Protein backbone atom coordinates (compact mmCIF):
# COMPACT_ATOMS: atom_id res chain seq x y z
CA MET A 1 -38.38 89.02 -29.06
CA PRO A 2 -41.22 89.95 -26.69
CA PRO A 3 -40.68 92.93 -24.37
CA ARG A 4 -38.96 92.30 -21.08
CA LYS A 5 -40.85 91.84 -17.87
CA ARG A 6 -39.52 92.66 -14.42
CA LEU A 7 -37.67 89.72 -12.89
CA ARG A 8 -39.62 87.83 -10.26
CA SER A 9 -37.70 87.44 -7.01
CA TYR A 10 -36.05 84.03 -6.60
CA ASP A 11 -34.40 82.72 -3.45
CA SER A 12 -30.77 82.06 -4.32
CA ALA A 13 -30.17 79.34 -1.75
CA LYS A 14 -33.29 77.45 -2.83
CA ILE A 15 -32.46 77.71 -6.53
CA ARG A 16 -28.88 76.55 -6.04
CA SER A 17 -30.03 73.64 -3.89
CA ALA A 18 -32.75 72.74 -6.39
CA VAL A 19 -30.31 72.57 -9.31
CA LEU A 20 -27.80 70.44 -7.44
CA GLY A 21 -30.49 68.24 -5.90
CA GLN A 22 -32.45 67.60 -9.08
CA TYR A 23 -29.30 66.81 -11.01
CA ALA A 24 -28.38 64.29 -8.32
CA GLN A 25 -31.79 62.63 -8.72
CA VAL A 26 -31.30 62.35 -12.48
CA ARG A 27 -27.75 61.03 -12.17
CA GLU A 28 -28.80 58.35 -9.70
CA ALA A 29 -31.61 57.20 -11.98
CA VAL A 30 -29.43 57.16 -15.12
CA ALA A 31 -26.74 55.17 -13.30
CA GLY A 32 -29.28 52.38 -12.76
CA LEU A 33 -30.25 52.04 -16.42
CA SER A 34 -28.97 49.17 -18.55
CA GLU A 35 -27.31 49.69 -21.93
CA GLU A 36 -30.52 48.49 -23.57
CA GLN A 37 -32.56 51.05 -21.65
CA LEU A 38 -30.12 53.83 -22.48
CA ASP A 39 -30.35 53.03 -26.18
CA ALA A 40 -34.17 52.96 -26.19
CA PRO A 41 -36.06 55.72 -28.04
CA THR A 42 -37.85 58.58 -26.30
CA HIS A 43 -40.96 60.55 -27.30
CA LEU A 44 -38.59 63.25 -28.60
CA ASP A 45 -38.01 62.66 -32.28
CA GLY A 46 -34.56 61.21 -32.92
CA TRP A 47 -33.50 61.19 -29.27
CA ALA A 48 -32.50 58.04 -27.39
CA VAL A 49 -32.55 57.91 -23.60
CA ARG A 50 -28.75 58.13 -23.66
CA ASP A 51 -28.89 61.36 -25.68
CA LEU A 52 -31.40 62.83 -23.27
CA ALA A 53 -29.29 61.92 -20.24
CA ALA A 54 -26.24 63.47 -21.90
CA HIS A 55 -28.21 66.63 -22.61
CA VAL A 56 -29.12 67.03 -18.94
CA SER A 57 -25.42 66.95 -18.06
CA ILE A 58 -24.65 69.48 -20.79
CA ALA A 59 -27.34 71.81 -19.45
CA VAL A 60 -25.86 71.64 -15.96
CA ARG A 61 -22.23 71.76 -17.10
CA ALA A 62 -23.07 74.99 -18.95
CA VAL A 63 -23.06 76.82 -15.61
CA SER A 64 -19.48 75.85 -14.80
CA ALA A 65 -18.39 76.40 -18.39
CA ALA A 66 -19.74 79.95 -18.27
CA ILE A 67 -18.15 80.66 -14.89
CA ASP A 68 -14.79 79.55 -16.31
CA LEU A 69 -14.99 82.15 -19.09
CA PRO A 70 -13.95 85.80 -18.63
CA GLU A 71 -16.77 87.91 -17.19
CA PRO A 72 -18.52 89.95 -19.89
CA PRO A 73 -18.93 93.72 -19.36
CA LYS A 74 -22.69 93.53 -19.01
CA ALA A 75 -25.59 91.10 -18.89
CA GLU A 76 -27.82 91.75 -21.89
CA LEU A 77 -30.26 88.87 -21.41
CA ALA A 78 -33.04 89.05 -18.84
CA LEU A 79 -34.50 85.85 -17.44
CA LEU A 80 -37.74 86.18 -19.37
CA ASP A 81 -35.91 86.65 -22.65
CA ALA A 82 -34.51 83.12 -22.33
CA PRO A 83 -37.57 81.04 -23.33
CA PHE A 84 -37.82 82.88 -26.63
CA VAL A 85 -34.28 82.16 -27.86
CA THR A 86 -34.18 78.41 -27.23
CA ALA A 87 -35.83 77.35 -30.50
CA SER A 88 -32.98 78.82 -32.54
CA LEU A 89 -30.51 76.65 -30.61
CA ALA A 90 -32.37 73.35 -30.96
CA GLU A 91 -30.28 71.85 -33.77
CA ALA A 92 -26.96 72.67 -32.09
CA VAL A 93 -28.26 71.34 -28.77
CA ALA A 94 -29.30 68.05 -30.36
CA GLU A 95 -25.97 67.61 -32.13
CA GLY A 96 -24.00 68.35 -28.97
CA SER A 97 -26.08 65.95 -26.91
CA ARG A 98 -25.64 63.09 -29.35
CA ALA A 99 -21.92 63.76 -29.63
CA LEU A 100 -21.46 63.63 -25.87
CA ALA A 101 -23.61 60.50 -25.59
CA ALA A 102 -21.38 58.78 -28.15
CA ALA A 103 -18.13 59.96 -26.56
CA GLU A 104 -18.99 59.38 -22.89
CA ARG A 105 -20.27 55.85 -22.51
CA ASP A 106 -20.04 56.08 -18.71
CA LEU A 107 -22.56 58.84 -18.19
CA ALA A 108 -22.75 58.23 -14.44
CA SER A 109 -19.04 58.91 -13.94
CA PHE A 110 -19.19 61.93 -16.23
CA GLY A 111 -22.18 63.30 -14.35
CA ALA A 112 -20.45 62.91 -11.00
CA LYS A 113 -17.58 65.07 -12.25
CA VAL A 114 -19.99 67.69 -13.57
CA ALA A 115 -21.84 67.79 -10.24
CA ALA A 116 -18.66 68.08 -8.16
CA LYS A 117 -17.34 70.97 -10.23
CA LEU A 118 -20.67 72.77 -10.20
CA ALA A 119 -20.90 72.54 -6.40
CA GLU A 120 -17.39 73.95 -6.11
CA ASP A 121 -18.07 76.74 -8.59
CA LEU A 122 -21.35 77.78 -6.99
CA ALA A 123 -19.74 77.99 -3.56
CA ALA A 124 -17.29 80.53 -4.92
CA THR A 125 -19.50 82.57 -7.27
CA PRO A 126 -21.97 85.36 -6.37
CA ASP A 127 -25.45 85.59 -7.87
CA ASP A 128 -24.66 88.73 -9.85
CA ARG A 129 -21.62 87.26 -11.62
CA ARG A 130 -22.15 87.93 -15.33
CA LEU A 131 -21.86 84.92 -17.63
CA THR A 132 -21.43 84.34 -21.34
CA THR A 133 -23.77 81.48 -22.25
CA ARG A 134 -25.27 80.00 -25.38
CA LEU A 135 -28.45 81.91 -24.59
CA GLY A 136 -26.60 85.23 -24.26
CA THR A 137 -24.89 87.21 -21.51
CA ILE A 138 -26.82 86.80 -18.27
CA GLU A 139 -26.26 86.90 -14.51
CA LEU A 140 -25.71 83.67 -12.58
CA LEU A 141 -28.98 83.57 -10.59
CA PRO A 142 -31.33 83.94 -13.57
CA PHE A 143 -29.22 81.45 -15.50
CA LEU A 144 -29.64 78.97 -12.66
CA VAL A 145 -33.39 79.51 -12.86
CA THR A 146 -33.24 78.47 -16.52
CA ARG A 147 -31.46 75.31 -15.38
CA THR A 148 -34.45 74.43 -13.19
CA VAL A 149 -36.52 74.48 -16.38
CA GLU A 150 -34.04 72.19 -18.16
CA LEU A 151 -33.93 69.78 -15.22
CA THR A 152 -37.67 69.71 -14.61
CA VAL A 153 -38.60 69.26 -18.27
CA HIS A 154 -36.03 66.55 -18.93
CA THR A 155 -36.72 64.68 -15.72
CA ASP A 156 -40.27 64.36 -17.00
CA ASP A 157 -38.96 63.34 -20.42
CA LEU A 158 -36.82 60.62 -18.83
CA ASN A 159 -39.71 59.36 -16.73
CA ARG A 160 -41.95 59.10 -19.77
CA ALA A 161 -39.27 57.34 -21.81
CA THR A 162 -38.14 54.82 -19.20
CA GLY A 163 -41.13 54.26 -16.94
CA LEU A 164 -39.06 55.50 -14.01
CA ASP A 165 -40.47 57.81 -11.36
CA ILE A 166 -37.59 60.20 -10.78
CA PRO A 167 -38.75 62.69 -8.15
CA VAL A 168 -38.87 66.36 -9.11
CA ASP A 169 -37.52 68.77 -6.50
CA ARG A 170 -40.35 71.01 -5.31
CA GLU A 171 -38.28 74.19 -5.61
CA ALA A 172 -37.12 73.25 -9.10
CA LEU A 173 -40.71 72.63 -10.18
CA ALA A 174 -41.85 75.88 -8.54
CA ALA A 175 -39.18 77.97 -10.25
CA CYS A 176 -39.80 76.31 -13.60
CA THR A 177 -43.56 76.82 -13.33
CA ARG A 178 -43.23 80.48 -12.33
CA MET A 179 -40.72 81.31 -15.03
CA LEU A 180 -42.87 79.76 -17.77
CA ALA A 181 -46.02 81.42 -16.45
CA ASP A 182 -44.28 84.80 -16.45
CA ALA A 183 -43.05 84.10 -19.97
CA LEU A 184 -46.66 83.65 -21.08
CA ALA A 185 -47.49 87.07 -19.61
CA VAL A 186 -44.59 88.53 -21.59
CA LYS A 187 -45.69 86.86 -24.83
CA ALA A 188 -49.33 87.88 -24.42
CA PRO A 189 -49.40 91.01 -22.23
CA GLY A 190 -52.75 92.08 -20.87
CA GLY A 191 -55.14 91.57 -18.03
CA SER A 192 -58.22 89.88 -19.45
CA THR A 193 -57.28 86.29 -18.62
CA GLU A 194 -56.03 84.82 -15.37
CA VAL A 195 -53.86 81.73 -15.59
CA ARG A 196 -53.57 79.75 -12.39
CA VAL A 197 -51.04 76.99 -11.79
CA PRO A 198 -51.52 76.16 -8.11
CA PRO A 199 -49.72 76.19 -5.82
CA PHE A 200 -46.93 78.06 -7.62
CA ALA A 201 -48.14 80.75 -10.03
CA VAL A 202 -50.94 83.09 -11.03
CA VAL A 203 -50.50 85.52 -13.92
CA GLN A 204 -52.65 87.95 -15.87
CA CYS A 205 -52.30 87.93 -19.64
CA VAL A 206 -54.05 88.44 -23.03
CA GLU A 207 -55.28 91.79 -24.29
CA GLY A 208 -58.84 92.77 -23.50
CA PRO A 209 -60.91 94.21 -20.65
CA ARG A 210 -58.81 94.21 -17.50
CA HIS A 211 -60.18 92.35 -14.53
CA THR A 212 -60.06 94.31 -11.25
CA ARG A 213 -62.16 92.49 -8.64
CA GLY A 214 -64.28 89.40 -8.06
CA THR A 215 -64.06 86.30 -10.21
CA PRO A 216 -62.21 86.96 -13.48
CA PRO A 217 -64.33 86.44 -16.62
CA ASN A 218 -61.59 84.36 -18.26
CA VAL A 219 -59.80 81.77 -16.15
CA VAL A 220 -57.42 78.95 -17.01
CA GLU A 221 -56.25 76.52 -14.36
CA THR A 222 -53.99 73.50 -14.59
CA ASP A 223 -51.43 71.60 -12.55
CA PRO A 224 -47.68 72.37 -12.68
CA LEU A 225 -46.61 69.32 -14.68
CA THR A 226 -49.32 69.84 -17.31
CA TRP A 227 -48.36 73.51 -17.54
CA VAL A 228 -44.70 72.63 -18.06
CA ARG A 229 -45.65 70.15 -20.80
CA LEU A 230 -47.89 72.72 -22.50
CA ALA A 231 -45.29 75.47 -22.34
CA THR A 232 -42.54 73.27 -23.77
CA GLY A 233 -44.54 71.48 -26.46
CA ARG A 234 -44.67 68.08 -24.75
CA THR A 235 -48.44 68.11 -25.02
CA THR A 236 -50.95 70.21 -26.91
CA TRP A 237 -53.79 72.32 -25.58
CA ALA A 238 -56.30 69.99 -27.24
CA GLU A 239 -54.72 66.88 -25.71
CA ALA A 240 -54.58 68.36 -22.22
CA HIS A 241 -58.10 69.74 -22.48
CA SER A 242 -59.58 66.45 -23.69
CA ALA A 243 -57.83 64.67 -20.81
CA ALA A 244 -59.43 67.12 -18.35
CA LYS A 245 -56.02 68.43 -17.35
CA ILE A 246 -57.12 72.02 -18.04
CA SER A 247 -60.05 74.00 -16.69
CA ALA A 248 -60.82 76.93 -19.02
CA SER A 249 -63.75 79.33 -18.88
CA GLY A 250 -64.46 82.53 -20.80
CA GLU A 251 -64.12 83.62 -24.42
CA ARG A 252 -60.43 84.53 -23.98
CA SER A 253 -59.43 81.36 -22.13
CA ASP A 254 -58.25 79.33 -25.13
CA LEU A 255 -54.45 79.67 -25.07
CA SER A 256 -53.73 77.21 -27.86
CA ALA A 257 -52.46 79.92 -30.23
CA LEU A 258 -49.88 81.02 -27.65
CA LEU A 259 -48.43 77.62 -26.89
CA PRO A 260 -45.85 76.22 -26.76
CA LEU A 261 -43.64 78.99 -25.39
CA MET A 262 -40.52 76.86 -25.85
CA SER A 263 -40.08 74.10 -28.41
């Protein structure tokens, strides 16, 4: 696992609102889908739209499930450790999502219950409450930040699979973008390359001569949604570059070997 990086400051009220708000957007959209649409395939291998919708509810329900458990003695997982442990959980996540999709045919009703309990739990739980989660033991606020990643990524997945245009909460997208940009800086520490994802994040990464002033010799710039897709394996560096979704200059600006961060 890459070394830990100091936690970026996140506004608790904004993160809590973003999680609840984005989940509401997804639930509303899923409620309007027909059975045929729910059973349609997605671009994720082996996943139907129904499975994906169920997974979003599982990701959100995980907060309440962790709050319901006894508090562990310490939080061993830092926020920026989280992206690097997800791959090992992929098979279990897929199995759980398909099982829930098969068991809960009324995903809208199920989601409403999940949302109501989460709102109640968050109102009564402080940010520093330690949680036992599938990722590891972690405090509530950083765990909620990981939920913004889940919600942002899978909202995009649902949009691509269904042709819907589910809005993405600005704060959820901002938190997701910043967390994944910081994760890149953890994976490839250094100061030779500047990665810009306006308007949300700028990070220095990649070993080499450190830039101190003026225009950096190695610069990568892209938009938030493209960055999220790159970091999570929804698109490749070559695909995004050929579509002019990435601006990259300098001999250390090719990040293809470092991506995806999560898969």
